[in-house]
């Protein structure tokens, strides 16, 4: 991701996906802690309850799907269940 994209992720939502495209995590970007390092809030996939907060380097986000709102994230997830 470019620096401008990484810097503008605060409050956006995401799904992290593995190489096959399967969802691993869902969550929200909380803040840019330092250049290239984000604090994220993870949510349980099945129950949608908050679980843990992690520091994630931007280089690990290159395959993540990023959404402007939680609703956009959930809409995408629903299309994957069909």
N, C-alpha and C. Protein backbone atom coordinates (compact mmCIF):
# COMPACT_ATOMS: atom_id res chain seq x y z
N UNK A 1 0.84 -1.19 0.00
CA UNK A 1 0.00 0.00 0.00
C UNK A 1 0.88 1.24 0.00
N UNK A 2 0.40 2.28 -0.64
CA UNK A 2 1.17 3.52 -0.66
C UNK A 2 1.07 4.21 0.70
N UNK A 3 1.99 5.12 0.96
CA UNK A 3 1.98 5.84 2.24
C UNK A 3 0.70 6.63 2.44
N UNK A 4 0.19 7.26 1.38
CA UNK A 4 -1.03 8.05 1.52
C UNK A 4 -2.22 7.17 1.85
N UNK A 5 -2.28 5.98 1.28
CA UNK A 5 -3.37 5.05 1.59
C UNK A 5 -3.26 4.59 3.04
N UNK A 6 -2.09 4.20 3.46
CA UNK A 6 -1.90 3.73 4.83
C UNK A 6 -2.25 4.82 5.83
N UNK A 7 -1.88 6.05 5.56
CA UNK A 7 -2.16 7.16 6.48
C UNK A 7 -3.65 7.48 6.56
N UNK A 8 -4.42 7.09 5.56
CA UNK A 8 -5.84 7.45 5.54
C UNK A 8 -6.77 6.31 5.98
N UNK A 9 -6.24 5.28 6.59
CA UNK A 9 -7.06 4.13 6.95
C UNK A 9 -7.80 4.26 8.29
N UNK A 10 -7.43 5.19 9.13
CA UNK A 10 -8.06 5.32 10.44
C UNK A 10 -9.57 5.37 10.31
N UNK A 11 -10.24 4.54 11.12
CA UNK A 11 -11.69 4.40 11.21
C UNK A 11 -12.31 3.58 10.08
N UNK A 12 -11.52 3.12 9.13
CA UNK A 12 -12.05 2.27 8.08
C UNK A 12 -12.09 0.82 8.60
N UNK A 13 -12.78 -0.03 7.87
CA UNK A 13 -12.99 -1.43 8.24
C UNK A 13 -12.27 -2.33 7.26
N UNK A 14 -12.03 -3.58 7.64
CA UNK A 14 -11.28 -4.48 6.76
C UNK A 14 -11.62 -5.94 7.00
N UNK A 15 -11.30 -6.72 5.98
CA UNK A 15 -11.18 -8.17 6.09
C UNK A 15 -9.75 -8.47 5.68
N UNK A 16 -9.06 -9.25 6.47
CA UNK A 16 -7.77 -9.76 6.00
C UNK A 16 -8.08 -11.09 5.32
N UNK A 17 -7.38 -11.36 4.25
CA UNK A 17 -7.62 -12.59 3.51
C UNK A 17 -6.30 -13.32 3.29
N UNK A 18 -6.39 -14.64 3.22
CA UNK A 18 -5.19 -15.42 2.95
C UNK A 18 -4.97 -15.53 1.44
N UNK A 19 -3.98 -16.26 1.03
CA UNK A 19 -3.63 -16.35 -0.39
C UNK A 19 -4.76 -16.93 -1.24
N UNK A 20 -5.61 -17.75 -0.63
CA UNK A 20 -6.73 -18.34 -1.38
C UNK A 20 -7.94 -17.43 -1.44
N UNK A 21 -7.89 -16.30 -0.69
CA UNK A 21 -9.01 -15.37 -0.66
C UNK A 21 -9.97 -15.58 0.50
N UNK A 22 -9.67 -16.56 1.36
CA UNK A 22 -10.52 -16.83 2.53
C UNK A 22 -10.29 -15.77 3.61
N UNK A 23 -11.36 -15.34 4.25
CA UNK A 23 -11.28 -14.33 5.30
C UNK A 23 -10.61 -14.92 6.54
N UNK A 24 -9.61 -14.22 7.07
CA UNK A 24 -8.96 -14.62 8.32
C UNK A 24 -9.46 -13.76 9.47
N UNK A 25 -9.43 -12.44 9.29
CA UNK A 25 -9.85 -11.49 10.33
C UNK A 25 -10.83 -10.50 9.76
N UNK A 26 -11.60 -9.89 10.66
CA UNK A 26 -12.33 -8.69 10.30
C UNK A 26 -12.10 -7.70 11.42
N UNK A 27 -12.12 -6.42 11.07
CA UNK A 27 -11.84 -5.44 12.10
C UNK A 27 -11.89 -4.02 11.60
N UNK A 28 -11.39 -3.13 12.46
CA UNK A 28 -11.37 -1.70 12.17
C UNK A 28 -9.99 -1.14 12.48
N UNK A 29 -9.53 -0.23 11.61
CA UNK A 29 -8.28 0.48 11.84
C UNK A 29 -8.54 1.54 12.90
N UNK A 30 -7.78 1.52 14.00
CA UNK A 30 -7.96 2.49 15.07
C UNK A 30 -7.07 3.71 14.90
N UNK A 31 -5.78 3.47 14.67
CA UNK A 31 -4.88 4.60 14.49
C UNK A 31 -3.56 4.17 13.88
N UNK A 32 -2.91 5.14 13.25
CA UNK A 32 -1.56 4.96 12.74
C UNK A 32 -0.63 5.25 13.90
N UNK A 33 0.04 4.23 14.40
CA UNK A 33 0.89 4.35 15.59
C UNK A 33 2.24 4.96 15.23
N UNK A 34 2.79 4.52 14.13
CA UNK A 34 4.04 5.06 13.59
C UNK A 34 4.00 4.79 12.09
N UNK A 35 4.86 5.41 11.31
CA UNK A 35 4.82 5.17 9.87
C UNK A 35 4.86 3.67 9.55
N UNK A 36 3.80 3.21 8.88
CA UNK A 36 3.74 1.81 8.48
C UNK A 36 3.28 0.84 9.54
N UNK A 37 2.78 1.32 10.67
CA UNK A 37 2.33 0.43 11.75
C UNK A 37 0.97 0.91 12.27
N UNK A 38 -0.04 0.05 12.14
CA UNK A 38 -1.40 0.40 12.54
C UNK A 38 -1.88 -0.41 13.75
N UNK A 39 -2.63 0.25 14.60
CA UNK A 39 -3.36 -0.42 15.68
C UNK A 39 -4.73 -0.76 15.12
N UNK A 40 -5.11 -2.04 15.19
CA UNK A 40 -6.41 -2.49 14.68
C UNK A 40 -7.19 -3.19 15.78
N UNK A 41 -8.51 -3.09 15.70
CA UNK A 41 -9.42 -3.80 16.58
C UNK A 41 -9.99 -4.97 15.79
N UNK A 42 -9.81 -6.18 16.29
CA UNK A 42 -10.36 -7.36 15.64
C UNK A 42 -11.72 -7.69 16.23
N UNK A 43 -12.55 -8.34 15.42
CA UNK A 43 -13.88 -8.79 15.83
C UNK A 43 -14.03 -10.27 15.51
N UNK A 44 -14.70 -10.99 16.37
CA UNK A 44 -14.99 -12.40 16.14
C UNK A 44 -15.83 -12.53 14.87
N UNK A 45 -15.42 -13.41 13.97
CA UNK A 45 -16.14 -13.56 12.70
C UNK A 45 -17.59 -14.00 12.91
N UNK A 46 -17.81 -14.95 13.78
CA UNK A 46 -19.15 -15.52 13.95
C UNK A 46 -20.08 -14.65 14.79
N UNK A 47 -19.56 -14.07 15.88
CA UNK A 47 -20.43 -13.34 16.80
C UNK A 47 -20.35 -11.83 16.68
N UNK A 48 -19.35 -11.35 15.94
CA UNK A 48 -19.15 -9.91 15.73
C UNK A 48 -18.81 -9.16 17.01
N UNK A 49 -18.29 -9.85 18.01
CA UNK A 49 -17.88 -9.18 19.24
C UNK A 49 -16.40 -8.81 19.17
N UNK A 50 -16.02 -7.68 19.77
CA UNK A 50 -14.61 -7.29 19.77
C UNK A 50 -13.77 -8.34 20.49
N UNK A 51 -12.61 -8.62 19.93
CA UNK A 51 -11.72 -9.59 20.58
C UNK A 51 -10.46 -8.89 21.06
N UNK A 52 -9.47 -8.77 20.21
CA UNK A 52 -8.21 -8.18 20.64
C UNK A 52 -7.79 -7.03 19.75
N UNK A 53 -6.86 -6.25 20.25
CA UNK A 53 -6.24 -5.20 19.45
C UNK A 53 -4.82 -5.63 19.13
N UNK A 54 -4.42 -5.40 17.88
CA UNK A 54 -3.10 -5.79 17.43
C UNK A 54 -2.40 -4.64 16.72
N UNK A 55 -1.09 -4.65 16.75
CA UNK A 55 -0.29 -3.76 15.93
C UNK A 55 0.10 -4.53 14.68
N UNK A 56 -0.24 -3.99 13.51
CA UNK A 56 0.00 -4.70 12.26
C UNK A 56 0.80 -3.82 11.31
N UNK A 57 1.92 -4.32 10.81
CA UNK A 57 2.70 -3.57 9.82
C UNK A 57 1.93 -3.47 8.50
N UNK A 58 2.03 -2.32 7.85
CA UNK A 58 1.32 -2.10 6.58
C UNK A 58 1.70 -3.12 5.52
N UNK A 59 2.92 -3.61 5.55
CA UNK A 59 3.35 -4.58 4.53
C UNK A 59 2.54 -5.88 4.61
N UNK A 60 1.95 -6.15 5.76
CA UNK A 60 1.13 -7.36 5.91
C UNK A 60 -0.31 -7.15 5.45
N UNK A 61 -0.64 -5.93 5.03
CA UNK A 61 -2.02 -5.59 4.66
C UNK A 61 -2.25 -5.59 3.15
N UNK A 62 -1.28 -5.99 2.39
CA UNK A 62 -1.40 -5.79 0.95
C UNK A 62 -2.54 -6.55 0.30
N UNK A 63 -3.01 -7.63 0.89
CA UNK A 63 -4.14 -8.37 0.33
C UNK A 63 -5.45 -8.11 1.07
N UNK A 64 -5.43 -7.19 2.02
CA UNK A 64 -6.64 -6.91 2.78
C UNK A 64 -7.67 -6.18 1.93
N UNK A 65 -8.93 -6.44 2.22
CA UNK A 65 -10.04 -5.72 1.60
C UNK A 65 -10.44 -4.62 2.58
N UNK A 66 -10.43 -3.37 2.12
CA UNK A 66 -10.70 -2.23 2.99
C UNK A 66 -12.01 -1.58 2.57
N UNK A 67 -12.80 -1.19 3.57
CA UNK A 67 -14.13 -0.61 3.35
C UNK A 67 -14.25 0.71 4.10
N UNK A 68 -15.04 1.61 3.55
CA UNK A 68 -15.26 2.90 4.19
C UNK A 68 -16.14 2.81 5.42
N UNK A 69 -17.05 1.83 5.43
CA UNK A 69 -17.99 1.69 6.55
C UNK A 69 -18.14 0.22 6.95
N UNK A 70 -18.64 0.02 8.12
CA UNK A 70 -18.92 -1.35 8.60
C UNK A 70 -19.97 -2.01 7.72
N UNK A 71 -20.95 -1.22 7.29
CA UNK A 71 -22.02 -1.75 6.45
C UNK A 71 -21.47 -2.29 5.13
N UNK A 72 -20.52 -1.57 4.54
CA UNK A 72 -19.89 -2.05 3.30
C UNK A 72 -19.17 -3.37 3.54
N UNK A 73 -18.49 -3.47 4.68
CA UNK A 73 -17.77 -4.69 5.02
C UNK A 73 -18.75 -5.86 5.16
N UNK A 74 -19.84 -5.65 5.88
CA UNK A 74 -20.81 -6.72 6.09
C UNK A 74 -21.51 -7.11 4.79
N UNK A 75 -21.76 -6.13 3.94
CA UNK A 75 -22.40 -6.42 2.64
C UNK A 75 -21.51 -7.34 1.81
N UNK A 76 -20.21 -7.05 1.77
CA UNK A 76 -19.28 -7.91 1.04
C UNK A 76 -19.28 -9.32 1.63
N UNK A 77 -19.28 -9.42 2.95
CA UNK A 77 -19.25 -10.72 3.62
C UNK A 77 -20.49 -11.53 3.25
N UNK A 78 -21.64 -10.88 3.15
CA UNK A 78 -22.87 -11.58 2.78
C UNK A 78 -22.79 -12.14 1.37
N UNK A 79 -22.14 -11.43 0.47
CA UNK A 79 -22.02 -11.93 -0.91
C UNK A 79 -21.13 -13.15 -0.97
N UNK A 80 -20.22 -13.30 -0.01
CA UNK A 80 -19.31 -14.45 0.00
C UNK A 80 -19.98 -15.71 0.53
N UNK A 81 -21.09 -15.57 1.24
CA UNK A 81 -21.78 -16.72 1.84
C UNK A 81 -22.71 -17.41 0.85
N UNK A 82 -22.97 -16.78 -0.28
CA UNK A 82 -23.90 -17.36 -1.26
C UNK A 82 -23.27 -18.44 -2.06
